[in-house]
Amino acid sequence: MSRGALAATLGLVALLGPRGAPGQTIAIVDGTVYPVSGPPVERGTVLVRDGRIVAVGSGVTVPDGAVRIDAAGKWVTPGLIQTASTLGLHLLDVGGQVDTREDSLAGPIKPAFNVADALDPAALPLPAARMQGITSALAIPTTGLIPGQGVVYDLYGERVESLLVRSPAVMVIDFGKNGKAGGGGSRAGILKRLRQVFRDALEYDRRRDDFRKAQMQPLSASAEDLEALRPVLRGELPVLAIANRRSDIENALRIAREFNLKLVLWQGAEAWQVAADLARARVPVVVEPLNDVPSFDQLAPRLDNATLLQAAGVDLVIAQRDDALHRNLRFAAGNAVRNGLDWNAALRAVTLGPAEAAGVADRYGSLERGKVANLVLWSGDPFEFSSRAEHVFIRGREVPRVSRQTELRERYRKLPPAY
């Protein structure tokens, strides 16, 4: 099935009137509801109208004319959020299919680069991700000391403008091995370069008129890039800091203290070694629970990293970077539970936790009145391999459970005699 045919199929489903059309009320009734922001609700009801949740609880009155979905014996959760992802930006490392980096004369310092305009609403991985209960993602740039700005978006819509939730949502900075080139090949050079560009951004902020008139010394970045750093240095835009080694994590914390940055740590294979420092600094950590293979950049990874961080009081986010296998996000959370993490903490780490880290928790991440109706009805525990997402809603609209993979399965389920 071609990409165009898949898009046509999805468009036809939408044309026939998906549940959640404007003005339509949907009631998911008699399920076990996991709001995340509160305790589970047995035989609960979630009421949705015009893209928002209007009621959650066990005694909710379902209005006449509402579309009822029987959730008896099922689980209802917020939609999962894929964090630090290239979903929608990166299909294959061939044929110009990578839109996560800007290879330009800007070099390794590219704060103004924003991936939003590269998002593809018809990207083939999006339907497959939705079928695994993923309803939103934090898409980020790659490559460089400061690769640029990441954005939060929903996984269903016709145009980029209709997908975006927050842009920019984070500024990515690489304190690890892949950031060394931007520091002249040294980790010490990373900090030297960052201090230089941050000080120049502060100077630019104080003397913008002088900069425009060329009445000050040259600075280490362009006006566009220095401008993009202003909300970072005001603490308005979080820094997503890539660091695995304990020393890299400590460097990120040091720079954050010096410049009053709002920090979110990503990867953090050795974060368990400095868990108390991270908790004290109130730095959330985006962990990958399936990451336990030592390398020169991470000599001491542990499968119970998330468990140790939670025990220390660190706010957790669970991620899974495998671009082609988005089903692994919920299984990564399940593996964290297998290695000691509390189940409720794991659910929070793929819903409300990432929403908080990306600054969208006022609208996303939990089932509460007034929030965007991104939710999933599961056949059972979402972290169990045998469970499946039976209904997925994004902004209150039920999205079709159709992907290129399902179409190929149906096409070849019954082969003609010639085969």
Protein backbone atom coordinates (compact mmCIF):
# COMPACT_ATOMS: atom_id res chain seq x y z
CA MET A 1 0.00 0.00 0.00
CA SER A 2 1.45 3.35 -1.03
CA ARG A 3 1.80 6.32 1.26
CA GLY A 4 -0.86 8.14 -0.76
CA ALA A 5 -3.27 5.23 -0.47
CA LEU A 6 -2.81 5.14 3.29
CA ALA A 7 -3.50 8.85 3.55
CA ALA A 8 -6.62 8.38 1.42
CA THR A 9 -7.82 5.56 3.67
CA LEU A 10 -7.36 7.66 6.80
CA GLY A 11 -9.08 10.60 5.12
CA LEU A 12 -12.06 8.39 4.19
CA VAL A 13 -12.41 7.24 7.80
CA ALA A 14 -12.43 10.87 8.91
CA LEU A 15 -14.97 11.80 6.22
CA LEU A 16 -17.37 9.10 7.37
CA GLY A 17 -17.58 10.80 10.74
CA PRO A 18 -15.24 9.65 13.52
CA ARG A 19 -16.57 9.67 17.04
CA GLY A 20 -15.78 13.00 18.61
CA ALA A 21 -17.09 15.32 15.88
CA PRO A 22 -17.73 18.91 17.07
CA GLY A 23 -20.75 19.09 19.37
CA GLN A 24 -20.86 15.33 19.87
CA THR A 25 -20.66 13.99 23.43
CA ILE A 26 -18.81 10.74 24.06
CA ALA A 27 -19.18 8.75 27.26
CA ILE A 28 -16.69 6.00 28.09
CA VAL A 29 -18.55 4.11 30.79
CA ASP A 30 -17.95 1.39 33.40
CA GLY A 31 -14.18 1.14 32.93
CA THR A 32 -11.39 1.32 35.47
CA VAL A 33 -10.22 4.90 35.00
CA TYR A 34 -6.63 5.89 35.82
CA PRO A 35 -6.63 9.72 35.91
CA VAL A 36 -2.94 9.82 37.02
CA SER A 37 -3.67 13.03 38.92
CA GLY A 38 -5.71 11.01 41.42
CA PRO A 39 -6.53 7.45 42.49
CA PRO A 40 -8.09 4.92 40.08
CA VAL A 41 -11.87 5.05 39.70
CA GLU A 42 -13.66 1.70 39.51
CA ARG A 43 -16.62 1.59 37.12
CA GLY A 44 -15.81 5.13 36.18
CA THR A 45 -17.03 7.34 33.36
CA VAL A 46 -15.09 9.81 31.22
CA LEU A 47 -17.24 12.35 29.42
CA VAL A 48 -15.80 14.12 26.37
CA ARG A 49 -17.17 17.00 24.31
CA ASP A 50 -15.60 19.39 21.79
CA GLY A 51 -12.13 18.01 22.29
CA ARG A 52 -12.11 18.42 26.07
CA ILE A 53 -12.81 16.27 29.09
CA VAL A 54 -15.95 17.59 30.76
CA ALA A 55 -16.30 15.06 33.60
CA VAL A 56 -14.45 12.13 35.21
CA GLY A 57 -15.77 9.97 38.05
CA SER A 58 -17.97 7.15 39.25
CA GLY A 59 -21.21 9.11 39.47
CA VAL A 60 -21.15 11.01 36.19
CA THR A 61 -24.54 11.45 34.52
CA VAL A 62 -24.45 10.58 30.83
CA PRO A 63 -26.57 13.06 28.85
CA ASP A 64 -29.19 11.90 26.36
CA GLY A 65 -27.83 11.47 22.87
CA ALA A 66 -24.27 10.81 23.97
CA VAL A 67 -22.28 8.13 22.16
CA ARG A 68 -21.61 5.43 24.76
CA ILE A 69 -18.54 3.23 24.69
CA ASP A 70 -18.73 0.26 27.02
CA ALA A 71 -15.45 -0.02 28.97
CA ALA A 72 -16.51 -2.78 31.36
CA GLY A 73 -13.44 -4.83 32.24
CA LYS A 74 -11.20 -2.34 30.38
CA TRP A 75 -8.64 0.25 31.50
CA VAL A 76 -8.84 3.95 30.62
CA THR A 77 -5.69 6.10 30.80
CA PRO A 78 -4.40 9.39 29.41
CA GLY A 79 -2.72 9.08 26.05
CA LEU A 80 0.96 8.21 26.23
CA ILE A 81 3.53 10.91 25.42
CA GLN A 82 6.66 9.94 23.49
CA THR A 83 9.51 12.10 24.81
CA ALA A 84 12.79 13.12 23.12
CA SER A 85 11.62 11.57 19.89
CA THR A 86 12.21 11.99 16.17
CA LEU A 87 8.72 10.67 15.45
CA GLY A 88 7.32 12.54 12.46
CA LEU A 89 10.78 13.81 11.49
CA HIS A 90 12.86 10.75 10.78
CA LEU A 91 11.87 7.71 8.73
CA LEU A 92 15.15 6.24 7.45
CA ASP A 93 18.78 7.36 7.35
CA VAL A 94 18.67 7.30 3.56
CA GLY A 95 17.26 9.30 0.70
CA GLY A 96 16.90 12.63 2.49
CA GLN A 97 14.52 11.16 5.08
CA VAL A 98 16.15 12.89 8.07
CA ASP A 99 14.77 16.29 9.11
CA THR A 100 16.19 16.47 12.62
CA ARG A 101 19.28 18.55 11.97
CA GLU A 102 20.47 21.67 10.21
CA ASP A 103 23.78 21.16 8.45
CA SER A 104 24.78 24.74 7.83
CA LEU A 105 27.50 27.29 8.35
CA ALA A 106 26.03 27.85 11.82
CA GLY A 107 28.21 24.99 13.06
CA PRO A 108 27.36 23.24 16.33
CA ILE A 109 25.53 26.21 17.90
CA LYS A 110 22.02 26.34 16.38
CA PRO A 111 19.56 27.58 19.04
CA ALA A 112 17.25 29.14 16.43
CA PHE A 113 16.72 25.87 14.57
CA ASN A 114 13.19 24.62 15.24
CA VAL A 115 11.96 21.25 13.96
CA ALA A 116 8.28 22.28 13.79
CA ASP A 117 8.22 23.08 10.08
CA ALA A 118 9.67 19.65 9.27
CA LEU A 119 6.84 17.71 10.97
CA ASP A 120 4.93 15.55 8.53
CA PRO A 121 1.29 14.86 9.54
CA ALA A 122 1.20 12.00 7.01
CA ALA A 123 4.43 10.35 8.19
CA LEU A 124 4.06 6.57 8.06
CA PRO A 125 5.17 5.92 11.68
CA LEU A 126 2.40 8.11 13.16
CA PRO A 127 -0.52 5.67 12.70
CA ALA A 128 1.61 2.83 14.08
CA ALA A 129 2.46 4.93 17.13
CA ARG A 130 -1.18 5.87 17.70
CA MET A 131 -2.15 2.21 17.67
CA GLN A 132 0.19 1.76 20.63
CA GLY A 133 -1.62 4.44 22.63
CA ILE A 134 0.82 7.25 21.88
CA THR A 135 -1.15 10.45 21.33
CA SER A 136 1.51 13.19 21.65
CA ALA A 137 5.25 13.53 21.26
CA LEU A 138 8.12 15.82 22.11
CA ALA A 139 10.05 15.97 18.84
CA ILE A 140 13.63 17.17 19.06
CA PRO A 141 16.53 18.11 16.79
CA THR A 142 19.79 16.18 16.77
CA THR A 143 23.48 16.79 16.08
CA GLY A 144 25.53 19.61 17.54
CA LEU A 145 26.37 21.13 20.89
CA ILE A 146 23.09 23.08 20.79
CA PRO A 147 21.05 21.27 18.10
CA GLY A 148 18.06 23.59 18.50
CA GLN A 149 14.46 23.67 19.68
CA GLY A 150 12.08 20.76 20.28
CA VAL A 151 8.29 20.95 20.03
CA VAL A 152 5.29 19.15 21.52
CA TYR A 153 2.64 18.02 19.06
CA ASP A 154 -0.37 15.73 18.79
CA LEU A 155 -0.21 12.76 16.44
CA TYR A 156 -3.40 13.42 14.51
CA GLY A 157 -4.28 16.27 12.19
CA GLU A 158 -4.06 17.45 8.61
CA ARG A 159 -1.60 20.35 8.91
CA VAL A 160 1.35 21.16 11.11
CA GLU A 161 -0.54 24.12 12.57
CA SER A 162 -3.28 21.80 13.78
CA LEU A 163 -0.77 19.40 15.38
CA LEU A 164 1.37 21.78 17.41
CA VAL A 165 0.82 22.04 21.15
CA ARG A 166 3.88 24.06 22.19
CA SER A 167 6.64 25.45 20.01
CA PRO A 168 9.32 25.79 21.16
CA ALA A 169 9.00 23.46 24.14
CA VAL A 170 12.66 22.76 24.98
CA MET A 171 16.16 23.80 23.95
CA VAL A 172 18.40 20.76 23.42
CA ILE A 173 22.02 20.86 24.63
CA ASP A 174 24.38 17.88 24.33
CA PHE A 175 26.81 17.56 27.26
CA GLY A 176 27.93 14.08 26.17
CA LYS A 177 30.23 12.54 23.60
CA ASN A 178 28.24 13.85 20.62
CA GLY A 179 28.54 17.41 21.89
CA LYS A 180 32.33 17.28 22.16
CA ALA A 181 32.89 18.37 18.56
CA GLY A 182 31.22 21.67 19.42
CA GLY A 183 33.71 22.11 22.25
CA GLY A 184 36.80 21.45 20.17
CA GLY A 185 36.82 17.74 20.96
CA SER A 186 36.85 18.10 24.75
CA ARG A 187 34.24 17.99 27.47
CA ALA A 188 36.00 20.97 29.05
CA GLY A 189 35.58 22.71 25.71
CA ILE A 190 31.82 22.08 25.86
CA LEU A 191 31.53 24.09 29.06
CA LYS A 192 33.87 26.79 27.76
CA ARG A 193 31.82 27.20 24.58
CA LEU A 194 28.51 27.20 26.43
CA ARG A 195 29.69 29.83 28.92
CA GLN A 196 30.86 31.99 26.04
CA VAL A 197 27.63 31.81 24.09
CA PHE A 198 25.45 32.28 27.19
CA ARG A 199 27.43 35.34 28.29
CA ASP A 200 27.19 36.75 24.79
CA ALA A 201 23.44 36.11 24.78
CA LEU A 202 23.12 38.03 28.06
CA GLU A 203 25.22 40.86 26.63
CA TYR A 204 23.10 40.86 23.49
CA ASP A 205 19.95 41.02 25.62
CA ARG A 206 21.28 44.10 27.43
CA ARG A 207 22.55 45.87 24.31
CA ARG A 208 20.31 44.83 21.43
CA ASP A 209 20.21 48.34 19.94
CA ASP A 210 24.00 48.58 20.04
CA PHE A 211 24.25 45.17 18.35
CA ARG A 212 21.95 46.28 15.52
CA LYS A 213 24.05 49.41 15.03
CA ALA A 214 27.31 47.40 15.11
CA GLN A 215 28.45 49.46 18.12
CA MET A 216 29.76 46.50 20.11
CA GLN A 217 32.34 43.78 19.66
CA PRO A 218 31.42 40.71 17.57
CA LEU A 219 29.61 37.97 19.50
CA SER A 220 29.95 34.19 19.27
CA ALA A 221 26.61 33.56 17.55
CA SER A 222 24.23 35.24 15.16
CA ALA A 223 21.52 37.64 16.32
CA GLU A 224 18.90 34.99 15.44
CA ASP A 225 20.59 32.38 17.64
CA LEU A 226 21.23 34.79 20.51
CA GLU A 227 17.59 35.86 20.34
CA ALA A 228 16.52 32.22 20.64
CA LEU A 229 18.54 31.87 23.84
CA ARG A 230 16.79 34.73 25.64
CA PRO A 231 13.85 32.63 26.97
CA VAL A 232 16.33 29.93 28.03
CA LEU A 233 18.34 32.38 30.14
CA ARG A 234 15.13 33.83 31.60
CA GLY A 235 14.12 30.34 32.76
CA GLU A 236 11.06 30.32 30.50
CA LEU A 237 12.22 27.59 28.13
CA PRO A 238 13.60 24.34 29.63
CA VAL A 239 16.93 22.93 28.57
CA LEU A 240 16.80 19.25 27.60
CA ALA A 241 20.34 18.27 28.59
CA ILE A 242 21.77 15.11 27.02
CA ALA A 243 24.14 13.44 29.48
CA ASN A 244 24.88 9.85 30.47
CA ARG A 245 28.15 9.95 32.41
CA ARG A 246 28.07 11.08 36.01
CA SER A 247 30.63 13.78 35.18
CA ASP A 248 28.50 15.01 32.25
CA ILE A 249 25.43 15.16 34.47
CA GLU A 250 27.37 17.13 37.06
CA ASN A 251 28.58 19.51 34.32
CA ALA A 252 24.98 20.08 33.23
CA LEU A 253 23.98 20.83 36.83
CA ARG A 254 26.94 23.21 37.17
CA ILE A 255 26.00 25.19 34.05
CA ALA A 256 22.35 25.28 35.14
CA ARG A 257 23.34 26.81 38.48
CA GLU A 258 25.63 29.38 36.88
CA PHE A 259 23.02 30.65 34.43
CA ASN A 260 19.78 29.84 36.31
CA LEU A 261 18.62 27.40 33.65
CA LYS A 262 15.51 25.27 33.96
CA LEU A 263 16.99 21.83 33.40
CA VAL A 264 15.54 18.49 32.27
CA LEU A 265 18.05 15.64 32.03
CA TRP A 266 17.73 13.16 29.18
CA GLN A 267 19.27 9.65 29.00
CA GLY A 268 21.08 9.82 32.36
CA ALA A 269 22.43 6.25 32.38
CA GLU A 270 24.48 7.06 35.48
CA ALA A 271 21.91 9.40 37.01
CA TRP A 272 21.34 6.96 39.87
CA GLN A 273 24.80 7.89 41.15
CA VAL A 274 23.80 11.54 41.64
CA ALA A 275 20.11 11.01 42.41
CA ALA A 276 20.23 13.12 45.58
CA ASP A 277 21.75 16.06 43.69
CA LEU A 278 19.10 15.83 40.96
CA ALA A 279 16.30 15.68 43.51
CA ARG A 280 17.72 18.65 45.40
CA ALA A 281 17.97 20.67 42.17
CA ARG A 282 14.42 19.59 41.20
CA VAL A 283 15.65 18.30 37.83
CA PRO A 284 13.36 15.78 36.10
CA VAL A 285 15.14 12.87 34.42
CA VAL A 286 14.07 11.28 31.14
CA VAL A 287 15.24 7.67 31.47
CA GLU A 288 15.31 4.79 29.02
CA PRO A 289 14.64 1.66 31.11
CA LEU A 290 15.85 -0.73 28.40
CA ASN A 291 19.30 0.87 28.39
CA ASP A 292 21.73 -1.29 30.38
CA VAL A 293 24.64 -1.87 27.98
CA PRO A 294 27.92 -0.28 29.15
CA SER A 295 29.93 1.88 26.78
CA PHE A 296 32.70 4.45 27.10
CA ASP A 297 29.98 7.10 27.48
CA GLN A 298 28.10 5.15 30.18
CA LEU A 299 30.15 2.71 32.19
CA ALA A 300 27.55 2.09 34.89
CA PRO A 301 24.00 1.80 33.45
CA ARG A 302 21.43 -0.12 35.52
CA LEU A 303 18.01 -1.56 34.71
CA ASP A 304 16.75 -0.23 38.04
CA ASN A 305 17.91 3.33 37.31
CA ALA A 306 14.32 4.62 37.35
CA THR A 307 13.59 2.84 40.63
CA LEU A 308 16.61 4.38 42.36
CA LEU A 309 15.77 7.85 41.03
CA GLN A 310 12.17 7.60 42.21
CA ALA A 311 13.30 6.46 45.66
CA ALA A 312 15.45 9.61 45.87
CA GLY A 313 12.51 11.84 44.99
CA VAL A 314 13.42 12.62 41.38
CA ASP A 315 10.59 13.37 38.94
CA LEU A 316 10.63 10.71 36.23
CA VAL A 317 9.88 10.59 32.53
CA ILE A 318 10.18 7.34 30.57
CA ALA A 319 11.21 7.43 26.92
CA GLN A 320 12.07 5.00 24.15
CA ARG A 321 14.15 6.23 21.23
CA ASP A 322 13.60 3.41 18.75
CA ASP A 323 12.07 5.32 15.83
CA ALA A 324 10.54 2.31 14.12
CA LEU A 325 9.23 0.42 17.17
CA HIS A 326 7.07 2.87 19.09
CA ARG A 327 5.31 0.00 20.77
CA ASN A 328 8.38 -0.19 22.98
CA LEU A 329 7.44 2.93 24.94
CA ARG A 330 4.83 1.12 27.01
CA PHE A 331 7.00 -1.98 27.26
CA ALA A 332 9.91 0.16 28.45
CA ALA A 333 7.61 1.39 31.23
CA GLY A 334 6.65 -2.22 31.96
CA ASN A 335 10.30 -3.20 32.21
CA ALA A 336 10.86 -0.37 34.68
CA VAL A 337 8.06 -1.86 36.79
CA ARG A 338 9.66 -5.28 36.45
CA ASN A 339 12.83 -3.77 37.90
CA GLY A 340 11.17 -2.25 40.94
CA LEU A 341 9.44 0.95 39.83
CA ASP A 342 5.95 1.51 41.25
CA TRP A 343 3.30 0.86 38.57
CA ASN A 344 1.54 4.19 39.15
CA ALA A 345 4.87 6.01 38.94
CA ALA A 346 5.53 4.28 35.60
CA LEU A 347 2.16 5.39 34.22
CA ARG A 348 2.84 8.94 35.38
CA ALA A 349 6.26 8.79 33.71
CA VAL A 350 4.68 8.28 30.26
CA THR A 351 1.78 10.72 30.73
CA LEU A 352 1.79 13.56 33.26
CA GLY A 353 5.56 13.46 33.84
CA PRO A 354 6.49 14.33 30.25
CA ALA A 355 3.71 16.91 30.10
CA GLU A 356 5.18 18.65 33.15
CA ALA A 357 8.72 18.51 31.78
CA ALA A 358 7.61 20.07 28.49
CA GLY A 359 5.44 22.74 30.10
CA VAL A 360 2.04 21.51 28.89
CA ALA A 361 0.68 19.86 32.05
CA ASP A 362 -2.05 22.48 32.34
CA ARG A 363 -3.66 20.84 29.28
CA TYR A 364 -2.14 17.36 28.92
CA GLY A 365 -1.03 14.28 30.79
CA SER A 366 -3.99 13.43 33.04
CA LEU A 367 -7.74 12.83 32.88
CA GLU A 368 -9.18 15.95 34.47
CA ARG A 369 -12.05 18.26 33.68
CA GLY A 370 -11.03 20.91 31.16
CA LYS A 371 -7.99 19.09 29.83
CA VAL A 372 -7.50 18.06 26.21
CA ALA A 373 -9.22 14.72 25.60
CA ASN A 374 -6.21 12.60 24.67
CA LEU A 375 -7.05 9.20 26.14
CA VAL A 376 -6.86 5.48 25.48
CA LEU A 377 -9.19 2.58 26.24
CA TRP A 378 -7.05 -0.53 26.77
CA SER A 379 -8.07 -4.17 26.80
CA GLY A 380 -6.00 -4.58 30.00
CA ASP A 381 -2.84 -3.35 31.68
CA PRO A 382 -1.15 -1.14 29.04
CA PHE A 383 2.28 -2.37 30.14
CA GLU A 384 1.40 -6.00 29.44
CA PHE A 385 2.45 -7.42 26.07
CA SER A 386 -0.96 -9.00 25.42
CA SER A 387 -2.95 -5.79 25.96
CA ARG A 388 -3.94 -3.54 23.10
CA ALA A 389 -5.32 -0.07 22.60
CA GLU A 390 -8.93 -0.63 21.54
CA HIS A 391 -9.93 3.05 21.26
CA VAL A 392 -7.59 6.01 20.94
CA PHE A 393 -8.82 9.60 21.19
CA ILE A 394 -6.79 12.67 20.25
CA ARG A 395 -8.37 16.04 21.00
CA GLY A 396 -11.62 14.22 21.56
CA ARG A 397 -11.72 12.54 18.16
CA GLU A 398 -11.38 8.79 17.88
CA VAL A 399 -8.55 8.04 15.49
CA PRO A 400 -8.71 5.09 13.09
CA ARG A 401 -6.77 1.99 14.10
CA VAL A 402 -5.33 1.70 10.61
CA SER A 403 -1.70 1.81 9.56
CA ARG A 404 0.44 0.65 6.67
CA GLN A 405 1.25 -2.43 8.71
CA THR A 406 -2.40 -3.40 9.24
CA GLU A 407 -3.22 -2.79 5.58
CA LEU A 408 -0.37 -5.05 4.49
CA ARG A 409 -1.51 -7.69 6.96
CA GLU A 410 -5.02 -7.68 5.54
CA ARG A 411 -3.79 -7.61 1.97
CA TYR A 412 -1.74 -10.77 2.40
CA ARG A 413 -3.91 -12.57 4.96
CA LYS A 414 -5.43 -14.65 2.14
CA LEU A 415 -3.03 -15.33 -0.68
CA PRO A 416 -4.29 -16.29 -4.16
CA PRO A 417 -3.57 -19.87 -5.33
CA ALA A 418 -0.64 -18.65 -7.45
CA TYR A 419 1.32 -18.04 -4.24
